[in-house]
């Protein structure tokens, strides 16, 4: 295969795909675009499962592009590099997150906020038409390799635990970015709404930044775990909670009322929304309620740029901040999806791609 890659041929790949929003995962053979002069080819060793993979695979946000190979939490080994690549060499470890290209020329891209590419040319890792490669669909990390521009690959140290690095490329940056944007500092009171894969990462980052952290969850089942992580308290309801928070991050992927959390903010406090429920149950904020809760800010956040993603990974490794993971085989994806949607999942599922 390496000889074919060097000759500019399309890169053969195998992964697990769904053929429709109602189907189960099946093995899927496909090809990726050829390696360009500034591209690298990564042998995928681990791929995390994100709740957004489920939303996409089941067309809960929009009609998906099928067959679909999900996965945007990717860690592996570089096996080939283009002639003009300077960032990586063969044998290096690398990661890929939620996007694989953008225009690189607009204001957003120049300030390394590629996810907000103003020309609409941000290419997501899967379920997206790649405008830089004849609009062919992108295929994600539930596979044995990926071809990506070196600009969109994250440098991973050789001694990093790859199975735990993979989920950081989405769950990590998705929670790290708004905490940095809101300039969380020592002494701030931070609320984390939702205590799944994203919520756990938010708790760990906020504590590392010096904040006093409180968790909101549907029940008390995870209270011990939250307290062991360093949270001050777990609330199973917003009722009778003081208006005391400088910042709340909502990671909730199901229906809820955002105003319940806005009303817990101090004057000048901020609510960052990163969880995105399915379209049919996605909540709205009543403008009248928002007006009469004046002096508080609500904003959405989606992942982070490449520069910030590298910063997040470096911060995570320095402070040993990792997700709680459970390694699964490639043929257990359907089971993992069921557990994630029924509340049975305790950890972040990571696929060992050697089992493909």
Protein backbone atom coordinates (compact mmCIF):
# COMPACT_ATOMS: atom_id res chain seq x y z
CA UNK A 1 0.00 0.00 0.00
CA UNK A 2 2.82 2.43 0.81
CA UNK A 3 4.18 2.20 -2.72
CA UNK A 4 0.75 2.98 -4.14
CA UNK A 5 0.45 5.98 -1.79
CA UNK A 6 3.77 7.34 -2.99
CA UNK A 7 2.64 6.99 -6.59
CA UNK A 8 -0.31 9.26 -5.93
CA UNK A 9 -2.97 6.58 -6.03
CA UNK A 10 -6.13 6.61 -3.92
CA UNK A 11 -5.63 5.10 -0.49
CA UNK A 12 -7.55 1.86 0.20
CA UNK A 13 -9.30 1.73 3.58
CA UNK A 14 -11.63 -0.47 5.57
CA UNK A 15 -13.92 0.57 8.39
CA UNK A 16 -17.32 0.15 9.97
CA UNK A 17 -20.24 2.03 8.41
CA UNK A 18 -23.98 2.42 8.64
CA UNK A 19 -25.87 2.27 5.34
CA UNK A 20 -28.90 4.20 6.67
CA UNK A 21 -30.10 5.89 9.83
CA UNK A 22 -31.80 2.66 10.92
CA UNK A 23 -29.08 0.15 10.07
CA UNK A 24 -26.46 -1.57 12.17
CA UNK A 25 -22.74 -1.17 11.60
CA UNK A 26 -21.14 -3.34 8.93
CA UNK A 27 -17.62 -3.69 7.58
CA UNK A 28 -17.11 -1.31 4.68
CA UNK A 29 -14.32 -1.14 2.11
CA UNK A 30 -13.67 2.23 0.50
CA UNK A 31 -10.88 4.51 -0.71
CA UNK A 32 -9.63 7.88 0.43
CA UNK A 33 -8.25 10.66 -1.76
CA UNK A 34 -4.60 10.39 -2.72
CA UNK A 35 -1.94 11.90 -0.47
CA UNK A 36 -1.08 15.46 -1.52
CA UNK A 37 2.29 17.10 -1.07
CA UNK A 38 1.23 18.58 2.27
CA UNK A 39 -0.81 15.58 3.44
CA UNK A 40 0.02 12.76 5.81
CA UNK A 41 -1.44 9.27 6.08
CA UNK A 42 -2.20 8.08 9.61
CA UNK A 43 -2.66 4.47 10.60
CA UNK A 44 -5.53 4.77 13.07
CA UNK A 45 -4.86 2.90 16.31
CA UNK A 46 -7.70 4.22 18.47
CA UNK A 47 -10.99 5.99 17.69
CA UNK A 48 -13.27 7.43 20.35
CA UNK A 49 -17.06 7.25 20.16
CA UNK A 50 -18.74 10.63 20.63
CA UNK A 51 -22.46 11.19 21.22
CA UNK A 52 -22.46 13.36 18.10
CA UNK A 53 -21.50 10.22 16.15
CA UNK A 54 -24.84 8.78 17.22
CA UNK A 55 -26.76 11.93 16.29
CA UNK A 56 -25.09 11.91 12.86
CA UNK A 57 -25.42 8.18 12.19
CA UNK A 58 -29.14 8.37 13.02
CA UNK A 59 -29.74 11.61 11.10
CA UNK A 60 -30.93 13.36 14.26
CA UNK A 61 -29.47 16.74 13.27
CA UNK A 62 -29.80 16.52 9.49
CA UNK A 63 -30.08 13.84 6.83
CA UNK A 64 -26.76 12.02 6.86
CA UNK A 65 -24.55 11.06 3.93
CA UNK A 66 -24.61 7.26 3.62
CA UNK A 67 -22.80 4.97 3.80
CA UNK A 68 -21.32 6.77 6.81
CA UNK A 69 -18.14 5.97 8.69
CA UNK A 70 -18.35 8.10 11.85
CA UNK A 71 -15.53 9.02 14.21
CA UNK A 72 -13.72 12.29 14.88
CA UNK A 73 -11.62 11.30 17.88
CA UNK A 74 -8.64 9.77 16.15
CA UNK A 75 -5.15 8.84 17.33
CA UNK A 76 -2.55 6.87 15.46
CA UNK A 77 0.83 6.61 13.77
CA UNK A 78 2.03 8.48 10.69
CA UNK A 79 2.88 5.96 7.95
CA UNK A 80 3.43 8.30 4.97
CA UNK A 81 4.13 12.01 4.40
CA UNK A 82 3.87 14.26 1.37
CA UNK A 83 6.96 15.82 -0.21
CA UNK A 84 6.40 19.24 1.40
CA UNK A 85 5.35 18.09 4.87
CA UNK A 86 7.45 19.66 7.65
CA UNK A 87 5.34 19.05 10.76
CA UNK A 88 5.54 15.23 10.83
CA UNK A 89 7.78 12.37 9.87
CA UNK A 90 6.98 8.68 9.45
CA UNK A 91 6.63 7.03 12.85
CA UNK A 92 5.33 10.11 14.66
CA UNK A 93 2.07 9.91 16.59
CA UNK A 94 -0.70 12.20 15.42
CA UNK A 95 -4.33 12.97 16.18
CA UNK A 96 -7.29 14.18 14.14
CA UNK A 97 -10.36 15.86 15.55
CA UNK A 98 -13.62 17.12 14.10
CA UNK A 99 -12.33 18.83 10.96
CA UNK A 100 -9.83 18.06 8.21
CA UNK A 101 -9.65 21.25 6.11
CA UNK A 102 -10.78 24.85 5.64
CA UNK A 103 -10.06 27.74 3.31
CA UNK A 104 -7.12 28.99 5.38
CA UNK A 105 -7.56 32.52 4.02
CA UNK A 106 -10.55 34.14 5.73
CA UNK A 107 -10.33 36.09 8.97
CA UNK A 108 -11.59 33.17 11.07
CA UNK A 109 -9.08 30.74 9.60
CA UNK A 110 -6.21 33.18 9.98
CA UNK A 111 -6.94 33.51 13.69
CA UNK A 112 -7.06 29.70 13.93
CA UNK A 113 -10.81 29.44 14.32
CA UNK A 114 -11.13 27.16 11.32
CA UNK A 115 -14.41 25.69 12.57
CA UNK A 116 -16.00 29.07 11.78
CA UNK A 117 -14.54 29.36 8.25
CA UNK A 118 -16.33 32.37 6.78
CA UNK A 119 -16.29 30.91 3.29
CA UNK A 120 -18.20 27.89 4.50
CA UNK A 121 -15.30 25.61 3.59
CA UNK A 122 -14.73 23.93 6.93
CA UNK A 123 -14.60 20.24 6.04
CA UNK A 124 -15.70 17.98 8.86
CA UNK A 125 -14.06 14.62 9.39
CA UNK A 126 -17.09 12.61 8.34
CA UNK A 127 -20.64 13.10 7.00
CA UNK A 128 -19.46 16.08 4.96
CA UNK A 129 -18.76 16.88 1.32
CA UNK A 130 -15.09 17.68 0.83
CA UNK A 131 -15.02 20.79 -1.35
CA UNK A 132 -11.25 20.40 -1.79
CA UNK A 133 -11.58 16.90 -3.26
CA UNK A 134 -14.43 17.01 -5.79
CA UNK A 135 -17.10 17.07 -3.08
CA UNK A 136 -16.53 13.42 -2.24
CA UNK A 137 -17.93 12.41 1.16
CA UNK A 138 -15.56 12.32 4.09
CA UNK A 139 -15.20 9.14 6.12
CA UNK A 140 -14.20 9.18 9.78
CA UNK A 141 -12.14 7.32 12.29
CA UNK A 142 -13.97 4.01 12.65
CA UNK A 143 -11.44 2.80 10.10
CA UNK A 144 -7.84 1.73 9.65
CA UNK A 145 -6.40 4.96 8.18
CA UNK A 146 -7.02 8.57 7.27
CA UNK A 147 -5.42 11.03 4.83
CA UNK A 148 -5.28 14.57 6.17
CA UNK A 149 -3.49 17.88 5.65
CA UNK A 150 -0.62 18.26 8.12
CA UNK A 151 -2.22 21.58 9.19
CA UNK A 152 -5.21 19.68 10.60
CA UNK A 153 -3.26 16.98 12.41
CA UNK A 154 -2.32 17.35 16.06
CA UNK A 155 1.17 16.47 17.31
CA UNK A 156 1.08 13.72 19.94
CA UNK A 157 4.18 12.83 22.01
CA UNK A 158 5.52 9.30 21.73
CA UNK A 159 4.90 8.59 25.42
CA UNK A 160 1.26 9.73 25.38
CA UNK A 161 -1.48 7.13 26.09
CA UNK A 162 -3.10 7.04 22.65
CA UNK A 163 -6.31 5.36 23.83
CA UNK A 164 -6.93 8.34 26.14
CA UNK A 165 -5.65 10.96 23.70
CA UNK A 166 -8.21 10.03 21.04
CA UNK A 167 -11.31 11.29 22.93
CA UNK A 168 -9.54 14.53 23.80
CA UNK A 169 -9.73 15.52 20.13
CA UNK A 170 -13.46 16.19 20.58
CA UNK A 171 -14.54 15.78 24.20
CA UNK A 172 -11.41 17.58 25.38
CA UNK A 173 -11.42 20.59 23.06
CA UNK A 174 -15.22 20.98 23.18
CA UNK A 175 -15.08 21.65 26.93
CA UNK A 176 -11.63 23.25 27.17
CA UNK A 177 -12.41 25.95 24.58
CA UNK A 178 -15.37 27.67 26.34
CA UNK A 179 -13.57 27.50 29.70
CA UNK A 180 -10.69 29.39 28.12
CA UNK A 181 -13.02 31.76 26.25
CA UNK A 182 -14.75 32.71 29.50
CA UNK A 183 -11.35 33.06 31.21
CA UNK A 184 -12.10 30.72 34.09
CA UNK A 185 -9.69 31.33 36.93
CA UNK A 186 -8.97 30.41 40.51
CA UNK A 187 -11.93 31.09 42.81
CA UNK A 188 -14.62 31.07 40.12
CA UNK A 189 -17.71 28.97 40.76
CA UNK A 190 -18.37 26.74 37.79
CA UNK A 191 -21.42 24.58 37.17
CA UNK A 192 -21.27 21.59 34.83
CA UNK A 193 -24.68 20.53 33.53
CA UNK A 194 -24.62 16.94 32.36
CA UNK A 195 -22.07 14.45 33.63
CA UNK A 196 -21.38 12.21 30.66
CA UNK A 197 -18.25 12.12 28.51
CA UNK A 198 -18.18 15.90 28.00
CA UNK A 199 -19.25 16.81 31.51
CA UNK A 200 -16.48 14.74 33.09
CA UNK A 201 -13.88 16.53 30.98
CA UNK A 202 -15.33 19.93 31.89
CA UNK A 203 -15.07 19.08 35.59
CA UNK A 204 -11.43 18.06 35.27
CA UNK A 205 -10.40 21.13 33.26
CA UNK A 206 -12.26 23.59 35.49
CA UNK A 207 -10.67 22.12 38.61
CA UNK A 208 -7.22 22.30 37.00
CA UNK A 209 -7.89 25.98 36.28
CA UNK A 210 -8.57 26.58 39.97
CA UNK A 211 -12.37 26.81 39.94
CA UNK A 212 -14.81 25.46 42.53
CA UNK A 213 -16.91 23.02 40.53
CA UNK A 214 -20.49 21.81 41.00
CA UNK A 215 -22.19 19.15 38.89
CA UNK A 216 -25.80 18.93 37.69
CA UNK A 217 -26.98 15.42 36.77
CA UNK A 218 -30.35 13.69 36.36
CA UNK A 219 -29.83 11.55 39.43
CA UNK A 220 -27.37 10.90 42.23
CA UNK A 221 -25.90 7.74 40.68
CA UNK A 222 -22.66 9.48 39.75
CA UNK A 223 -22.33 11.58 42.89
CA UNK A 224 -19.45 9.55 44.32
CA UNK A 225 -17.58 9.75 41.04
CA UNK A 226 -18.08 13.52 40.78
CA UNK A 227 -16.85 14.09 44.32
CA UNK A 228 -13.82 11.87 43.73
CA UNK A 229 -12.92 14.06 40.75
CA UNK A 230 -12.94 17.10 43.04
CA UNK A 231 -16.44 18.51 42.54
CA UNK A 232 -17.86 20.27 45.59
CA UNK A 233 -21.39 18.94 45.18
CA UNK A 234 -23.73 17.16 42.76
CA UNK A 235 -27.27 18.49 42.27
CA UNK A 236 -29.95 16.28 40.72
CA UNK A 237 -32.15 19.32 40.11
CA UNK A 238 -31.84 23.08 39.64
CA UNK A 239 -34.50 23.68 42.28
CA UNK A 240 -33.42 25.39 45.49
CA UNK A 241 -29.93 26.04 44.13
CA UNK A 242 -28.46 29.47 44.84
CA UNK A 243 -27.82 32.07 42.14
CA UNK A 244 -24.09 31.71 42.67
CA UNK A 245 -22.32 30.71 39.47
CA UNK A 246 -19.77 32.70 37.49
CA UNK A 247 -19.98 30.19 34.66
CA UNK A 248 -22.06 27.16 33.69
CA UNK A 249 -21.31 24.84 30.81
CA UNK A 250 -24.19 22.76 29.46
CA UNK A 251 -23.16 19.45 27.92
CA UNK A 252 -26.73 18.09 27.95
CA UNK A 253 -27.58 16.14 24.74
CA UNK A 254 -31.33 15.77 25.48
CA UNK A 255 -34.32 18.08 25.95
CA UNK A 256 -34.06 20.61 28.83
CA UNK A 257 -34.78 24.25 29.69
CA UNK A 258 -31.62 26.41 29.37
CA UNK A 259 -33.25 29.19 31.43
CA UNK A 260 -33.03 26.99 34.51
CA UNK A 261 -29.28 27.44 34.30
CA UNK A 262 -29.32 31.08 33.21
CA UNK A 263 -31.23 31.81 36.41
CA UNK A 264 -28.43 30.30 38.50
CA UNK A 265 -25.82 32.71 37.15
CA UNK A 266 -24.55 35.71 39.05
CA UNK A 267 -24.89 39.10 37.39
CA UNK A 268 -22.31 39.03 34.62
CA UNK A 269 -22.20 35.23 34.64
CA UNK A 270 -22.01 33.18 31.45
CA UNK A 271 -23.74 30.04 30.17
CA UNK A 272 -21.85 28.15 27.45
CA UNK A 273 -23.86 25.59 25.49
CA UNK A 274 -21.90 22.75 23.90
CA UNK A 275 -24.43 19.90 24.07
CA UNK A 276 -26.76 19.74 21.06
CA UNK A 277 -29.94 17.63 21.46
CA UNK A 278 -31.72 16.10 18.45
CA UNK A 279 -33.52 18.66 16.29
CA UNK A 280 -37.04 17.60 17.30
CA UNK A 281 -36.37 18.21 20.99
CA UNK A 282 -33.77 20.97 20.73
CA UNK A 283 -34.77 23.67 23.24
CA UNK A 284 -35.33 27.36 22.55
CA UNK A 285 -34.77 30.29 24.88
CA UNK A 286 -37.77 32.54 25.48
CA UNK A 287 -36.62 36.09 24.71
CA UNK A 288 -38.84 37.61 27.40
CA UNK A 289 -37.29 35.34 30.02
CA UNK A 290 -33.85 36.24 28.77
CA UNK A 291 -34.57 39.97 28.89
CA UNK A 292 -35.84 39.76 32.46
CA UNK A 293 -32.71 37.82 33.41
CA UNK A 294 -30.55 40.66 32.09
CA UNK A 295 -26.86 41.01 32.78
CA UNK A 296 -26.14 37.37 32.03
CA UNK A 297 -24.59 35.99 28.86
CA UNK A 298 -25.49 32.92 26.83
CA UNK A 299 -23.32 31.63 24.01
CA UNK A 300 -22.73 28.49 22.02
CA UNK A 301 -19.38 26.86 21.42
CA UNK A 302 -18.28 24.25 18.91
CA UNK A 303 -14.97 22.45 19.34
CA UNK A 304 -11.98 24.82 18.88
CA UNK A 305 -9.41 25.77 16.28
CA UNK A 306 -6.33 23.70 15.49
CA UNK A 307 -3.99 25.94 17.50
CA UNK A 308 -6.24 25.73 20.56
CA UNK A 309 -6.68 21.98 20.11
CA UNK A 310 -2.92 21.53 20.29
CA UNK A 311 -2.88 23.78 23.37
CA UNK A 312 -5.62 21.65 24.94
CA UNK A 313 -3.71 18.44 24.31
CA UNK A 314 -0.49 19.87 25.75
CA UNK A 315 -2.42 21.11 28.82
CA UNK A 316 -4.10 17.72 29.25
CA UNK A 317 -0.84 15.80 29.08
CA UNK A 318 0.89 18.22 31.45
CA UNK A 319 -1.87 17.92 34.07
CA UNK A 320 -2.63 14.26 33.29
CA UNK A 321 -6.24 15.10 32.44
CA UNK A 322 -7.76 12.19 30.56
CA UNK A 323 -11.27 10.87 29.99
CA UNK A 324 -12.47 7.75 31.76
CA UNK A 325 -12.32 5.22 28.94
CA UNK A 326 -13.37 1.70 28.11
CA UNK A 327 -11.67 -0.06 25.21
CA UNK A 328 -13.98 -2.01 22.91
CA UNK A 329 -13.59 -4.09 19.77
CA UNK A 330 -14.66 -2.73 16.39
CA UNK A 331 -17.60 -5.16 16.24
CA UNK A 332 -19.05 -3.75 19.50
CA UNK A 333 -20.02 -0.31 18.15
CA UNK A 334 -23.77 -1.02 18.05
CA UNK A 335 -23.69 -2.19 21.65
CA UNK A 336 -21.78 0.94 22.67
CA UNK A 337 -24.38 3.15 20.95
CA UNK A 338 -27.17 1.39 22.83
CA UNK A 339 -25.42 1.88 26.15
CA UNK A 340 -24.78 5.56 25.42
CA UNK A 341 -28.41 6.26 24.55
CA UNK A 342 -29.88 4.34 27.49
CA UNK A 343 -27.67 5.80 30.20
CA UNK A 344 -25.77 2.55 30.79
CA UNK A 345 -22.40 3.86 29.63
CA UNK A 346 -20.12 4.81 32.48
CA UNK A 347 -17.01 5.66 30.47
CA UNK A 348 -15.95 7.05 27.12
CA UNK A 349 -15.90 4.19 24.63
CA UNK A 350 -12.72 3.93 22.54
CA UNK A 351 -12.39 1.47 19.67
CA UNK A 352 -9.16 -0.49 19.40
CA UNK A 353 -8.74 -0.37 15.63
CA UNK A 354 -6.37 -3.32 15.65
CA UNK A 355 -9.54 -5.40 16.14
CA UNK A 356 -11.00 -4.21 12.84
